[in-house]
PDB file of N, CA and C in Angstrom:
ATOM      1  N   UNK A   1     -22.463 -38.630 -12.211  1.00  0.00           N
ATOM      2  CA  UNK A   1     -23.681 -38.369 -11.413  1.00  0.00           C
ATOM      3  C   UNK A   1     -23.394 -37.387 -10.175  1.00  0.00           C
ATOM      4  N   UNK A   2     -24.232 -36.262 -10.078  1.00  0.00           N
ATOM      5  CA  UNK A   2     -23.816 -35.120  -9.117  1.00  0.00           C
ATOM      6  C   UNK A   2     -24.462 -35.647  -7.630  1.00  0.00           C
ATOM      7  N   UNK A   3     -23.506 -35.096  -6.748  1.00  0.00           N
ATOM      8  CA  UNK A   3     -24.036 -35.511  -5.171  1.00  0.00           C
ATOM      9  C   UNK A   3     -24.880 -34.303  -4.851  1.00  0.00           C
ATOM     10  N   UNK A   4     -26.186 -34.807  -4.048  1.00  0.00           N
ATOM     11  CA  UNK A   4     -26.797 -34.062  -3.630  1.00  0.00           C
ATOM     12  C   UNK A   4     -27.182 -34.303  -2.024  1.00  0.00           C
ATOM     13  N   UNK A   5     -27.525 -33.401  -1.282  1.00  0.00           N
ATOM     14  CA  UNK A   5     -27.618 -33.615   0.004  1.00  0.00           C
ATOM     15  C   UNK A   5     -29.226 -34.532   0.333  1.00  0.00           C
ATOM     16  N   UNK A   6     -29.052 -35.411   1.160  1.00  0.00           N
ATOM     17  CA  UNK A   6     -30.326 -36.036   1.378  1.00  0.00           C
ATOM     18  C   UNK A   6     -31.019 -35.183   2.187  1.00  0.00           C
ATOM     19  N   UNK A   7     -32.466 -35.314   2.430  1.00  0.00           N
ATOM     20  CA  UNK A   7     -33.116 -34.290   3.149  1.00  0.00           C
ATOM     21  C   UNK A   7     -33.811 -35.166   4.146  1.00  0.00           C
ATOM     22  N   UNK A   8     -34.042 -34.507   5.309  1.00  0.00           N
ATOM     23  CA  UNK A   8     -34.705 -35.006   6.655  1.00  0.00           C
ATOM     24  C   UNK A   8     -35.896 -34.021   6.724  1.00  0.00           C
ATOM     25  N   UNK A   9     -37.145 -34.483   6.983  1.00  0.00           N
ATOM     26  CA  UNK A   9     -38.446 -33.622   7.116  1.00  0.00           C
ATOM     27  C   UNK A   9     -38.570 -33.709   8.522  1.00  0.00           C
ATOM     28  N   UNK A  10     -39.223 -32.444   8.868  1.00  0.00           N
ATOM     29  CA  UNK A  10     -39.436 -32.313  10.331  1.00  0.00           C
ATOM     30  C   UNK A  10     -40.733 -31.355  10.347  1.00  0.00           C
ATOM     31  N   UNK A  11     -41.602 -31.504  11.370  1.00  0.00           N
ATOM     32  CA  UNK A  11     -42.814 -30.498  11.319  1.00  0.00           C
ATOM     33  C   UNK A  11     -42.055 -29.364  12.125  1.00  0.00           C
ATOM     34  N   UNK A  12     -42.624 -28.118  11.500  1.00  0.00           N
ATOM     35  CA  UNK A  12     -42.230 -26.759  12.060  1.00  0.00           C
ATOM     36  C   UNK A  12     -41.589 -25.912  11.013  1.00  0.00           C
ATOM     37  N   UNK A  13     -41.059 -24.861  11.368  1.00  0.00           N
ATOM     38  CA  UNK A  13     -40.291 -23.810  10.630  1.00  0.00           C
ATOM     39  C   UNK A  13     -38.820 -23.925  10.871  1.00  0.00           C
ATOM     40  N   UNK A  14     -38.125 -23.373   9.706  1.00  0.00           N
ATOM     41  CA  UNK A  14     -36.652 -23.266   9.908  1.00  0.00           C
ATOM     42  C   UNK A  14     -36.334 -22.349  11.078  1.00  0.00           C
ATOM     43  N   UNK A  15     -35.442 -23.084  12.119  1.00  0.00           N
ATOM     44  CA  UNK A  15     -35.073 -22.556  13.177  1.00  0.00           C
ATOM     45  C   UNK A  15     -35.625 -23.005  14.625  1.00  0.00           C
ATOM     46  N   UNK A  16     -36.820 -24.022  14.296  1.00  0.00           N
ATOM     47  CA  UNK A  16     -37.678 -24.369  15.455  1.00  0.00           C
ATOM     48  C   UNK A  16     -36.783 -25.406  15.997  1.00  0.00           C
ATOM     49  N   UNK A  17     -37.221 -25.838  17.239  1.00  0.00           N
ATOM     50  CA  UNK A  17     -36.301 -26.894  17.827  1.00  0.00           C
ATOM     51  C   UNK A  17     -36.259 -28.103  17.215  1.00  0.00           C
ATOM     52  N   UNK A  18     -37.163 -28.575  16.276  1.00  0.00           N
ATOM     53  CA  UNK A  18     -37.312 -29.739  15.647  1.00  0.00           C
ATOM     54  C   UNK A  18     -36.041 -29.786  14.425  1.00  0.00           C
ATOM     55  N   UNK A  19     -35.997 -28.394  13.914  1.00  0.00           N
ATOM     56  CA  UNK A  19     -34.938 -28.134  12.859  1.00  0.00           C
ATOM     57  C   UNK A  19     -33.624 -28.147  13.580  1.00  0.00           C
ATOM     58  N   UNK A  20     -33.353 -27.722  14.632  1.00  0.00           N
ATOM     59  CA  UNK A  20     -32.404 -27.667  15.364  1.00  0.00           C
ATOM     60  C   UNK A  20     -31.697 -29.062  15.727  1.00  0.00           C
ATOM     61  N   UNK A  21     -32.667 -29.986  16.120  1.00  0.00           N
ATOM     62  CA  UNK A  21     -32.421 -31.138  16.272  1.00  0.00           C
ATOM     63  C   UNK A  21     -31.947 -32.158  15.298  1.00  0.00           C
ATOM     64  N   UNK A  22     -32.709 -32.104  14.166  1.00  0.00           N
ATOM     65  CA  UNK A  22     -32.443 -32.412  12.794  1.00  0.00           C
ATOM     66  C   UNK A  22     -30.962 -32.125  12.388  1.00  0.00           C
ATOM     67  N   UNK A  23     -30.671 -30.844  12.529  1.00  0.00           N
ATOM     68  CA  UNK A  23     -29.180 -30.435  12.185  1.00  0.00           C
ATOM     69  C   UNK A  23     -28.141 -31.020  13.171  1.00  0.00           C
ATOM     70  N   UNK A  24     -28.452 -31.268  14.498  1.00  0.00           N
ATOM     71  CA  UNK A  24     -27.463 -31.522  15.392  1.00  0.00           C
ATOM     72  C   UNK A  24     -27.236 -33.049  15.149  1.00  0.00           C
ATOM     73  N   UNK A  25     -28.249 -33.865  14.790  1.00  0.00           N
ATOM     74  CA  UNK A  25     -27.968 -35.383  14.653  1.00  0.00           C
ATOM     75  C   UNK A  25     -27.573 -35.716  13.323  1.00  0.00           C
ATOM     76  N   UNK A  26     -28.055 -34.923  12.341  1.00  0.00           N
ATOM     77  CA  UNK A  26     -27.655 -35.119  10.868  1.00  0.00           C
ATOM     78  C   UNK A  26     -27.073 -33.808  10.043  1.00  0.00           C
ATOM     79  N   UNK A  27     -25.880 -33.202  10.519  1.00  0.00           N
ATOM     80  CA  UNK A  27     -25.477 -32.069  10.013  1.00  0.00           C
ATOM     81  C   UNK A  27     -25.308 -32.034   8.689  1.00  0.00           C
ATOM     82  N   UNK A  28     -25.089 -33.238   7.955  1.00  0.00           N
ATOM     83  CA  UNK A  28     -24.880 -33.337   6.510  1.00  0.00           C
ATOM     84  C   UNK A  28     -26.104 -33.190   5.866  1.00  0.00           C
ATOM     85  N   UNK A  29     -27.251 -33.483   6.461  1.00  0.00           N
ATOM     86  CA  UNK A  29     -28.540 -33.394   5.715  1.00  0.00           C
ATOM     87  C   UNK A  29     -29.200 -31.909   5.572  1.00  0.00           C
ATOM     88  N   UNK A  30     -29.964 -31.772   4.412  1.00  0.00           N
ATOM     89  CA  UNK A  30     -30.739 -30.539   4.390  1.00  0.00           C
ATOM     90  C   UNK A  30     -31.938 -30.884   5.018  1.00  0.00           C
ATOM     91  N   UNK A  31     -32.475 -29.740   5.806  1.00  0.00           N
ATOM     92  CA  UNK A  31     -33.871 -30.132   6.379  1.00  0.00           C
ATOM     93  C   UNK A  31     -35.009 -29.416   5.583  1.00  0.00           C
ATOM     94  N   UNK A  32     -36.071 -30.273   5.693  1.00  0.00           N
ATOM     95  CA  UNK A  32     -37.269 -29.877   4.960  1.00  0.00           C
ATOM     96  C   UNK A  32     -38.385 -29.482   5.863  1.00  0.00           C
ATOM     97  N   UNK A  33     -39.007 -28.342   6.102  1.00  0.00           N
ATOM     98  CA  UNK A  33     -39.853 -27.975   7.007  1.00  0.00           C
ATOM     99  C   UNK A  33     -41.204 -28.560   6.324  1.00  0.00           C
ATOM    100  N   UNK A  34     -42.256 -29.005   7.064  1.00  0.00           N
ATOM    101  CA  UNK A  34     -43.396 -29.405   6.975  1.00  0.00           C
ATOM    102  C   UNK A  34     -44.325 -28.835   7.851  1.00  0.00           C
ATOM    103  N   UNK A  35     -45.821 -28.580   7.459  1.00  0.00           N
ATOM    104  CA  UNK A  35     -46.834 -27.995   8.460  1.00  0.00           C
ATOM    105  C   UNK A  35     -47.217 -28.823   9.484  1.00  0.00           C
ATOM    106  N   UNK A  36     -47.101 -30.014   9.157  1.00  0.00           N
ATOM    107  CA  UNK A  36     -47.576 -30.965  10.204  1.00  0.00           C
ATOM    108  C   UNK A  36     -46.789 -32.508  10.125  1.00  0.00           C
ATOM    109  N   UNK A  37     -47.089 -33.247  11.200  1.00  0.00           N
ATOM    110  CA  UNK A  37     -46.403 -34.251  11.381  1.00  0.00           C
ATOM    111  C   UNK A  37     -46.669 -35.296  10.005  1.00  0.00           C
ATOM    112  N   UNK A  38     -47.982 -35.288   9.910  1.00  0.00           N
ATOM    113  CA  UNK A  38     -48.534 -36.021   8.683  1.00  0.00           C
ATOM    114  C   UNK A  38     -47.844 -35.686   7.306  1.00  0.00           C
ATOM    115  N   UNK A  39     -47.537 -34.423   7.093  1.00  0.00           N
ATOM    116  CA  UNK A  39     -46.999 -33.807   6.028  1.00  0.00           C
ATOM    117  C   UNK A  39     -45.547 -34.356   5.973  1.00  0.00           C
ATOM    118  N   UNK A  40     -44.703 -34.404   7.246  1.00  0.00           N
ATOM    119  CA  UNK A  40     -43.457 -34.923   7.317  1.00  0.00           C
ATOM    120  C   UNK A  40     -43.470 -36.423   6.774  1.00  0.00           C
ATOM    121  N   UNK A  41     -44.424 -37.102   7.427  1.00  0.00           N
ATOM    122  CA  UNK A  41     -44.362 -38.536   6.764  1.00  0.00           C
ATOM    123  C   UNK A  41     -44.625 -38.705   5.476  1.00  0.00           C
ATOM    124  N   UNK A  42     -45.388 -37.988   4.904  1.00  0.00           N
ATOM    125  CA  UNK A  42     -45.821 -37.841   3.470  1.00  0.00           C
ATOM    126  C   UNK A  42     -44.554 -37.523   2.660  1.00  0.00           C
ATOM    127  N   UNK A  43     -43.799 -36.505   3.037  1.00  0.00           N
ATOM    128  CA  UNK A  43     -42.574 -36.151   2.338  1.00  0.00           C
ATOM    129  C   UNK A  43     -41.673 -37.462   2.081  1.00  0.00           C
ATOM    130  N   UNK A  44     -41.600 -38.217   3.166  1.00  0.00           N
ATOM    131  CA  UNK A  44     -40.754 -39.501   2.999  1.00  0.00           C
ATOM    132  C   UNK A  44     -41.681 -40.412   1.959  1.00  0.00           C
ATOM    133  N   UNK A  45     -42.739 -40.502   2.157  1.00  0.00           N
ATOM    134  CA  UNK A  45     -43.537 -41.419   1.194  1.00  0.00           C
ATOM    135  C   UNK A  45     -43.478 -40.983  -0.381  1.00  0.00           C
ATOM    136  N   UNK A  46     -43.372 -39.821  -0.317  1.00  0.00           N
ATOM    137  CA  UNK A  46     -43.338 -39.151  -1.928  1.00  0.00           C
ATOM    138  C   UNK A  46     -41.696 -38.938  -2.293  1.00  0.00           C
ATOM    139  N   UNK A  47     -41.037 -39.328  -1.420  1.00  0.00           N
ATOM    140  CA  UNK A  47     -39.419 -39.260  -1.899  1.00  0.00           C
ATOM    141  C   UNK A  47     -39.109 -37.822  -1.992  1.00  0.00           C
ATOM    142  N   UNK A  48     -39.589 -36.923  -1.172  1.00  0.00           N
ATOM    143  CA  UNK A  48     -39.071 -35.536  -1.109  1.00  0.00           C
ATOM    144  C   UNK A  48     -37.882 -35.556  -0.041  1.00  0.00           C
ATOM    145  N   UNK A  49     -37.908 -36.562   0.838  1.00  0.00           N
ATOM    146  CA  UNK A  49     -37.000 -36.698   1.834  1.00  0.00           C
ATOM    147  C   UNK A  49     -36.801 -38.043   2.185  1.00  0.00           C
ATOM    148  N   UNK A  50     -35.499 -38.450   2.540  1.00  0.00           N
ATOM    149  CA  UNK A  50     -35.178 -39.700   2.846  1.00  0.00           C
ATOM    150  C   UNK A  50     -35.476 -40.261   4.383  1.00  0.00           C
ATOM    151  N   UNK A  51     -35.704 -39.136   5.261  1.00  0.00           N
ATOM    152  CA  UNK A  51     -36.022 -39.373   6.639  1.00  0.00           C
ATOM    153  C   UNK A  51     -36.960 -38.383   7.216  1.00  0.00           C
ATOM    154  N   UNK A  52     -37.815 -38.577   8.167  1.00  0.00           N
ATOM    155  CA  UNK A  52     -38.292 -37.742   9.012  1.00  0.00           C
ATOM    156  C   UNK A  52     -37.877 -37.793  10.472  1.00  0.00           C
ATOM    157  N   UNK A  53     -38.073 -36.733  11.011  1.00  0.00           N
ATOM    158  CA  UNK A  53     -37.555 -36.673  12.570  1.00  0.00           C
ATOM    159  C   UNK A  53     -38.886 -36.063  13.150  1.00  0.00           C
ATOM    160  N   UNK A  54     -39.404 -36.834  14.116  1.00  0.00           N
ATOM    161  CA  UNK A  54     -40.553 -36.596  14.797  1.00  0.00           C
ATOM    162  C   UNK A  54     -40.215 -36.623  16.182  1.00  0.00           C
ATOM    163  N   UNK A  55     -40.550 -35.581  17.131  1.00  0.00           N
ATOM    164  CA  UNK A  55     -40.399 -35.448  18.555  1.00  0.00           C
ATOM    165  C   UNK A  55     -41.059 -36.607  19.365  1.00  0.00           C
ATOM    166  N   UNK A  56     -40.633 -37.081  20.378  1.00  0.00           N
ATOM    167  CA  UNK A  56     -41.206 -37.894  21.206  1.00  0.00           C
ATOM    168  C   UNK A  56     -41.967 -37.172  22.355  1.00  0.00           C
ATOM    169  N   UNK A  57     -41.040 -36.220  22.913  1.00  0.00           N
ATOM    170  CA  UNK A  57     -41.452 -35.315  23.823  1.00  0.00           C
ATOM    171  C   UNK A  57     -41.057 -33.980  23.603  1.00  0.00           C
ATOM    172  N   UNK A  58     -41.731 -32.914  24.324  1.00  0.00           N
ATOM    173  CA  UNK A  58     -41.469 -31.511  24.060  1.00  0.00           C
ATOM    174  C   UNK A  58     -41.228 -30.836  25.451  1.00  0.00           C
ATOM    175  N   UNK A  59     -39.889 -30.764  25.735  1.00  0.00           N
ATOM    176  CA  UNK A  59     -39.531 -30.346  27.016  1.00  0.00           C
ATOM    177  C   UNK A  59     -38.905 -29.000  26.810  1.00  0.00           C
ATOM    178  N   UNK A  60     -39.402 -28.016  26.573  1.00  0.00           N
ATOM    179  CA  UNK A  60     -39.078 -26.563  26.338  1.00  0.00           C
ATOM    180  C   UNK A  60     -39.027 -25.880  27.638  1.00  0.00           C
ATOM    181  N   UNK A  61     -39.765 -26.365  28.531  1.00  0.00           N
ATOM    182  CA  UNK A  61     -39.644 -25.384  30.054  1.00  0.00           C
ATOM    183  C   UNK A  61     -39.805 -26.654  30.974  1.00  0.00           C
ATOM    184  N   UNK A  62     -39.033 -26.679  31.934  1.00  0.00           N
ATOM    185  CA  UNK A  62     -39.158 -27.564  33.026  1.00  0.00           C
ATOM    186  C   UNK A  62     -39.259 -26.958  34.399  1.00  0.00           C
ATOM    187  N   UNK A  63     -40.143 -27.151  35.250  1.00  0.00           N
ATOM    188  CA  UNK A  63     -40.199 -26.531  36.573  1.00  0.00           C
ATOM    189  C   UNK A  63     -39.484 -27.429  37.821  1.00  0.00           C
TER     190      UNK A  63
END
């Protein structure tokens, strides 16, 4: 049986903050970019990803 990386879905593009968060928390997983939160959840339901990481807050700029 060959080992394959398990995937974690996220909303956004490769290199986006969500992608970086996935890689920081799960460095051993391959990321799966999705166009929407719904698509990230659907990737899990369709067994294209084992997990989805969805942000609760977006704090890119704080004053």
